[in-house]
């Protein structure tokens, strides 16, 4: 089915007033290998669908009202690949408290729990003793397991709160025919473009960006502030009072420069471990075009909440014709 050939321009953020552009930049060294322009690489031992950081969860807990779980526990419950509901917690105590909440406010099955007490087991298991009254309790097993990959793209802070805002970046309306992979590469993934030719996802994304910005590759985080790298001038403007760089608006199509256009995984390709496992997908919703320097600054870090918010609020580039 054909899609309309409409591309919306996306406006960048203005740089801070009074900041002066620096006249020279020191080229960064691109990563080696077939995907050299991508800063973040998938972990060497990556495999599977992104079963990354572990968490505590109840075994066999009912899922009678999926939407209520997602509403009441948005940082713990999510829909995984395969459309299964998953609820994970940082600690066994959090999981036990979560079971009390899930039972009393979501399931409402007639048995109300006053509290839950954790009975430790080994390092990967425990029991939540659910107190019904002063004389009666009900045991529920807890396991510490890898969390299955989400069915969508979302930020994972791996160790604090699990799930935050789902990512819907500026390219989320593009729909090339391929299956996104956790930890997948934009440069190495090939698709068939509107001319029937093979093209990398990276090339498609940069091309859509360019078409939507009057023929100029433009940063999707133009004006975004970040700490100045220790051994390099800013790619864009610089505020010496705060030692802050501001992301440039126009990017270079030539590799090896701080201003070089790179396709950034909004959700990092590799989740923090241990173990380090694939997480952020090479989906269109998870893509943003930014400078090589900013991509390096954000390398393998949990994303700032304002970055995700800015990219989610960007006007979406509409789709181009793809087979």
Protein backbone atom coordinates (compact mmCIF):
# COMPACT_ATOMS: atom_id res chain seq x y z
CA UNK A 1 0.00 0.00 0.00
CA UNK A 2 1.32 3.43 -0.89
CA UNK A 3 1.64 6.20 1.61
CA UNK A 4 1.46 9.94 0.99
CA UNK A 5 4.68 11.67 0.05
CA UNK A 6 4.47 14.43 2.66
CA UNK A 7 7.30 15.48 4.92
CA UNK A 8 6.83 17.95 7.74
CA UNK A 9 9.69 20.24 8.72
CA UNK A 10 10.88 19.93 12.28
CA UNK A 11 12.12 23.05 14.00
CA UNK A 12 15.09 22.95 16.33
CA UNK A 13 15.42 24.67 19.66
CA UNK A 14 17.19 28.05 19.72
CA UNK A 15 20.66 28.22 21.23
CA UNK A 16 21.01 30.22 24.41
CA UNK A 17 21.24 33.96 23.90
CA UNK A 18 24.73 35.44 24.04
CA UNK A 19 26.51 32.21 23.15
CA UNK A 20 29.04 32.54 20.36
CA UNK A 21 29.81 29.84 17.79
CA UNK A 22 33.33 28.47 17.91
CA UNK A 23 35.15 28.79 14.63
CA UNK A 24 37.02 25.50 14.71
CA UNK A 25 36.24 21.99 15.80
CA UNK A 26 38.41 18.96 16.32
CA UNK A 27 37.15 15.91 14.40
CA UNK A 28 36.22 12.97 16.54
CA UNK A 29 37.45 9.50 15.69
CA UNK A 30 34.60 7.41 14.26
CA UNK A 31 34.04 3.95 15.62
CA UNK A 32 35.57 1.14 13.62
CA UNK A 33 33.78 -1.59 11.71
CA UNK A 34 30.90 -1.82 9.29
CA UNK A 35 28.77 0.57 11.35
CA UNK A 36 31.51 3.14 11.90
CA UNK A 37 29.29 6.20 12.12
CA UNK A 38 27.27 4.76 14.98
CA UNK A 39 28.77 5.61 18.35
CA UNK A 40 26.87 3.03 20.37
CA UNK A 41 27.49 -0.60 19.56
CA UNK A 42 25.56 -3.60 20.76
CA UNK A 43 27.32 -5.57 23.52
CA UNK A 44 29.57 -8.36 22.33
CA UNK A 45 27.54 -11.07 24.03
CA UNK A 46 24.19 -9.68 22.88
CA UNK A 47 21.59 -12.19 21.83
CA UNK A 48 17.86 -12.77 22.03
CA UNK A 49 15.17 -10.15 22.36
CA UNK A 50 16.67 -7.88 24.96
CA UNK A 51 16.25 -9.71 28.25
CA UNK A 52 18.36 -7.17 30.07
CA UNK A 53 18.24 -5.93 33.63
CA UNK A 54 16.54 -8.29 36.05
CA UNK A 55 13.72 -7.53 38.43
CA UNK A 56 11.49 -9.09 41.07
CA UNK A 57 8.06 -10.30 40.06
CA UNK A 58 5.24 -12.52 41.28
CA UNK A 59 4.86 -15.96 39.75
CA UNK A 60 1.50 -16.67 38.15
CA UNK A 61 -0.13 -13.44 39.24
CA UNK A 62 -3.51 -12.90 37.47
CA UNK A 63 -3.82 -10.37 34.66
CA UNK A 64 -7.55 -9.82 34.47
CA UNK A 65 -7.38 -6.07 33.86
CA UNK A 66 -4.29 -5.22 31.80
CA UNK A 67 -5.14 -1.53 31.32
CA UNK A 68 -5.54 -1.02 35.09
CA UNK A 69 -2.08 -2.43 35.75
CA UNK A 70 -0.57 -0.13 33.13
CA UNK A 71 -2.40 2.87 34.62
CA UNK A 72 -1.78 2.18 38.32
CA UNK A 73 1.79 0.88 38.01
CA UNK A 74 3.19 2.59 34.89
CA UNK A 75 6.81 2.35 36.06
CA UNK A 76 6.60 -1.35 36.80
CA UNK A 77 4.06 -2.89 34.43
CA UNK A 78 4.34 -3.00 30.65
CA UNK A 79 3.29 -5.04 27.64
CA UNK A 80 6.09 -7.30 26.47
CA UNK A 81 6.76 -8.82 23.08
CA UNK A 82 4.02 -11.37 22.53
CA UNK A 83 1.41 -9.09 24.18
CA UNK A 84 1.95 -10.47 27.68
CA UNK A 85 1.63 -8.21 30.70
CA UNK A 86 4.81 -7.98 32.79
CA UNK A 87 5.20 -6.30 36.20
CA UNK A 88 8.73 -6.06 37.63
CA UNK A 89 10.08 -4.34 40.73
CA UNK A 90 13.51 -3.22 41.93
CA UNK A 91 13.38 -5.18 45.21
CA UNK A 92 11.47 -8.13 46.66
CA UNK A 93 9.91 -5.74 49.18
CA UNK A 94 8.69 -3.49 46.35
CA UNK A 95 7.25 -6.54 44.59
CA UNK A 96 5.49 -7.67 47.75
CA UNK A 97 4.01 -4.19 48.31
CA UNK A 98 3.04 -4.17 44.64
CA UNK A 99 1.12 -7.43 45.05
CA UNK A 100 -0.89 -5.90 47.92
CA UNK A 101 -1.70 -2.89 45.73
CA UNK A 102 -2.54 -5.04 42.70
CA UNK A 103 -4.83 -7.28 44.71
CA UNK A 104 -6.63 -4.59 46.70
CA UNK A 105 -7.10 -1.95 44.01
CA UNK A 106 -6.96 -3.84 40.68
CA UNK A 107 -7.99 -7.47 41.11
CA UNK A 108 -10.51 -6.81 43.91
CA UNK A 109 -11.16 -10.51 44.21
CA UNK A 110 -12.79 -10.36 47.65
CA UNK A 111 -9.68 -11.14 49.71
CA UNK A 112 -8.09 -7.95 50.97
CA UNK A 113 -4.50 -8.04 52.20
CA UNK A 114 -3.44 -5.89 55.13
CA UNK A 115 0.27 -6.10 54.31
CA UNK A 116 2.99 -8.20 52.79
CA UNK A 117 6.18 -9.50 54.38
CA UNK A 118 9.16 -10.83 52.43
CA UNK A 119 10.59 -14.19 53.47
CA UNK A 120 14.05 -14.45 51.85
CA UNK A 121 15.03 -17.47 49.80
CA UNK A 122 18.12 -17.73 47.64
CA UNK A 123 19.46 -14.78 45.62
CA UNK A 124 16.88 -15.30 42.85
CA UNK A 125 13.78 -16.20 44.86
CA UNK A 126 11.74 -15.18 47.87
CA UNK A 127 8.22 -15.50 49.25
CA UNK A 128 5.76 -12.71 49.85
CA UNK A 129 3.66 -13.60 52.90
CA UNK A 130 0.37 -11.76 52.39
CA UNK A 131 -1.38 -10.99 55.66
CA UNK A 132 -5.16 -11.38 55.45
CA UNK A 133 -5.87 -11.01 59.18
CA UNK A 134 -3.98 -11.50 62.44
CA UNK A 135 -4.06 -15.29 62.09
CA UNK A 136 -4.06 -15.91 58.36
CA UNK A 137 -1.51 -15.30 55.67
CA UNK A 138 -1.07 -16.47 52.09
CA UNK A 139 2.34 -17.17 50.52
CA UNK A 140 3.09 -15.95 46.99
CA UNK A 141 6.39 -16.90 45.33
CA UNK A 142 8.66 -14.16 43.96
CA UNK A 143 11.43 -14.62 41.43
CA UNK A 144 14.33 -12.42 40.37
CA UNK A 145 14.37 -12.89 36.60
CA UNK A 146 15.42 -11.12 33.39
CA UNK A 147 12.69 -8.82 32.16
CA UNK A 148 11.33 -9.63 28.69
CA UNK A 149 11.68 -6.92 26.07
CA UNK A 150 8.85 -4.44 25.72
CA UNK A 151 6.60 -4.50 22.70
CA UNK A 152 7.29 -0.77 22.25
CA UNK A 153 10.31 1.46 22.78
CA UNK A 154 10.67 2.91 26.24
CA UNK A 155 13.35 4.36 28.44
CA UNK A 156 14.73 1.93 30.99
CA UNK A 157 16.60 3.39 33.94
CA UNK A 158 17.75 -0.09 34.98
CA UNK A 159 18.04 -0.03 38.75
CA UNK A 160 15.91 2.90 39.92
CA UNK A 161 12.44 2.90 38.39
CA UNK A 162 12.09 0.44 35.56
CA UNK A 163 9.77 1.87 32.94
CA UNK A 164 9.16 5.50 32.14
CA UNK A 165 7.75 7.20 29.05
CA UNK A 166 7.37 5.23 25.85
CA UNK A 167 9.44 6.74 23.05
CA UNK A 168 7.74 8.09 19.93
CA UNK A 169 10.52 10.01 18.19
CA UNK A 170 10.21 12.25 15.10
CA UNK A 171 10.56 9.35 12.63
CA UNK A 172 7.91 7.15 14.23
CA UNK A 173 5.52 7.54 11.30
CA UNK A 174 8.03 6.05 8.87
CA UNK A 175 7.17 2.43 8.21
CA UNK A 176 9.85 0.53 6.28
CA UNK A 177 9.33 -3.22 6.06
CA UNK A 178 11.64 -4.87 8.60
CA UNK A 179 11.49 -6.24 12.13
CA UNK A 180 13.23 -3.94 14.65
CA UNK A 181 15.71 -5.70 16.91
CA UNK A 182 16.75 -4.93 20.46
CA UNK A 183 20.31 -3.65 20.21
CA UNK A 184 19.95 -3.44 16.43
CA UNK A 185 21.96 -1.15 14.15
CA UNK A 186 20.52 1.57 11.94
CA UNK A 187 23.46 1.47 9.56
CA UNK A 188 23.63 -2.31 9.16
CA UNK A 189 19.88 -2.88 8.78
CA UNK A 190 18.91 -2.76 5.12
CA UNK A 191 15.43 -2.01 3.76
CA UNK A 192 13.93 -1.67 0.29
CA UNK A 193 13.32 2.00 -0.50
CA UNK A 194 10.71 3.65 -2.71
CA UNK A 195 12.87 3.05 -5.78
CA UNK A 196 13.07 -0.68 -5.13
CA UNK A 197 16.74 -0.43 -4.11
CA UNK A 198 18.48 -1.57 -0.95
CA UNK A 199 19.19 1.24 1.51
CA UNK A 200 20.33 1.35 5.12
CA UNK A 201 17.95 2.63 7.78
CA UNK A 202 20.50 5.29 8.62
CA UNK A 203 20.50 6.57 5.04
CA UNK A 204 16.68 6.60 4.96
CA UNK A 205 16.41 8.49 8.24
CA UNK A 206 18.97 11.12 7.24
CA UNK A 207 17.27 11.49 3.86
CA UNK A 208 13.85 12.02 5.47
CA UNK A 209 15.43 14.58 7.80
CA UNK A 210 16.98 16.41 4.88
CA UNK A 211 13.76 16.41 2.86
CA UNK A 212 11.87 17.85 5.81
CA UNK A 213 14.37 20.64 6.42
CA UNK A 214 14.69 22.28 3.00
CA UNK A 215 17.55 20.07 1.87
CA UNK A 216 19.72 20.58 4.97
CA UNK A 217 20.42 17.83 7.52
CA UNK A 218 19.24 19.28 10.82
CA UNK A 219 19.70 18.10 14.39
CA UNK A 220 16.54 16.87 16.06
CA UNK A 221 17.97 18.28 19.31
CA UNK A 222 19.15 21.65 17.95
CA UNK A 223 19.98 23.98 20.84
CA UNK A 224 20.15 21.14 23.39
CA UNK A 225 22.65 21.94 26.20
CA UNK A 226 25.33 19.48 27.28
CA UNK A 227 28.64 19.67 29.20
CA UNK A 228 31.60 20.64 27.04
CA UNK A 229 33.86 17.66 26.27
CA UNK A 230 37.22 17.97 28.00
CA UNK A 231 39.42 17.70 24.92
CA UNK A 232 37.30 19.17 22.14
CA UNK A 233 35.66 22.48 21.30
CA UNK A 234 31.88 22.52 21.02
CA UNK A 235 30.30 21.35 17.81
CA UNK A 236 27.91 24.30 18.05
CA UNK A 237 27.86 27.31 20.34
CA UNK A 238 29.60 27.57 23.70
CA UNK A 239 28.76 29.36 26.94
CA UNK A 240 32.06 29.83 28.85
CA UNK A 241 30.23 30.91 32.00
CA UNK A 242 28.68 27.48 32.45
CA UNK A 243 31.09 25.42 30.32
CA UNK A 244 28.08 24.34 28.29
CA UNK A 245 27.83 23.40 24.61
CA UNK A 246 24.65 23.84 22.62
CA UNK A 247 23.79 21.40 19.86
CA UNK A 248 24.14 22.99 16.38
CA UNK A 249 21.14 23.23 14.08
CA UNK A 250 22.83 22.29 10.79
CA UNK A 251 24.83 19.08 10.62
CA UNK A 252 27.50 17.87 8.24
CA UNK A 253 26.99 14.97 5.87
CA UNK A 254 30.75 14.29 6.01
CA UNK A 255 31.84 11.67 8.55
CA UNK A 256 34.54 12.26 11.14
CA UNK A 257 33.52 15.71 12.37
CA UNK A 258 31.93 16.75 15.67
CA UNK A 259 29.07 18.13 13.55
CA UNK A 260 28.67 14.92 11.52
CA UNK A 261 25.08 13.71 11.37
CA UNK A 262 24.57 10.45 13.25
CA UNK A 263 21.45 8.43 13.97
CA UNK A 264 21.03 8.23 17.72
CA UNK A 265 19.21 5.47 19.62
CA UNK A 266 16.93 7.36 22.03
CA UNK A 267 16.71 4.23 24.16
CA UNK A 268 20.35 3.09 24.38
CA UNK A 269 21.25 0.01 22.36
CA UNK A 270 22.79 -1.59 25.42
CA UNK A 271 21.01 -1.56 28.77
CA UNK A 272 23.11 -1.21 31.87
CA UNK A 273 23.66 -4.48 33.63
CA UNK A 274 25.17 -6.48 34.83
CA UNK A 275 24.91 -8.07 32.41
CA UNK A 276 24.99 -5.54 29.59
CA UNK A 277 22.40 -6.75 27.11
CA UNK A 278 20.69 -5.41 24.00
CA UNK A 279 17.77 -3.09 24.77
CA UNK A 280 17.00 -0.09 22.56
CA UNK A 281 15.62 -1.21 19.20
CA UNK A 282 16.60 0.05 15.77
CA UNK A 283 12.98 1.06 15.26
CA UNK A 284 11.94 4.25 13.54
CA UNK A 285 10.31 5.47 16.76
CA UNK A 286 13.65 5.15 18.58
CA UNK A 287 15.68 7.23 16.09
CA UNK A 288 16.91 10.81 16.24
CA UNK A 289 19.47 12.63 14.08
CA UNK A 290 22.04 14.48 16.18
CA UNK A 291 25.68 15.53 15.97
CA UNK A 292 28.50 13.05 16.48
CA UNK A 293 29.66 15.05 19.48
CA UNK A 294 26.32 14.96 21.29
CA UNK A 295 25.95 11.28 20.41
CA UNK A 296 29.32 10.67 22.06
CA UNK A 297 28.31 12.66 25.16
CA UNK A 298 25.15 10.58 25.51
CA UNK A 299 26.99 7.32 24.82
CA UNK A 300 25.71 4.45 26.95
CA UNK A 301 24.04 6.75 29.47
CA UNK A 302 20.50 6.77 30.77
CA UNK A 303 18.76 9.45 28.75
CA UNK A 304 17.86 12.76 30.40
CA UNK A 305 14.10 13.06 30.85
CA UNK A 306 14.04 16.38 28.99
CA UNK A 307 15.72 14.81 25.95
CA UNK A 308 13.02 12.17 25.69
CA UNK A 309 10.29 14.76 26.25
CA UNK A 310 11.67 17.05 23.51
CA UNK A 311 11.92 14.22 20.98
CA UNK A 312 8.49 12.84 21.82
CA UNK A 313 6.94 16.29 21.31
CA UNK A 314 8.63 16.89 17.97
CA UNK A 315 6.31 17.21 15.01
CA UNK A 316 6.60 13.87 13.27
CA UNK A 317 8.08 13.57 9.80
CA UNK A 318 5.35 11.99 7.74
CA UNK A 319 6.10 8.89 5.75
CA UNK A 320 7.55 8.59 2.28
CA UNK A 321 6.39 6.03 -0.26
CA UNK A 322 7.86 2.64 0.60
CA UNK A 323 6.94 -0.76 -0.80
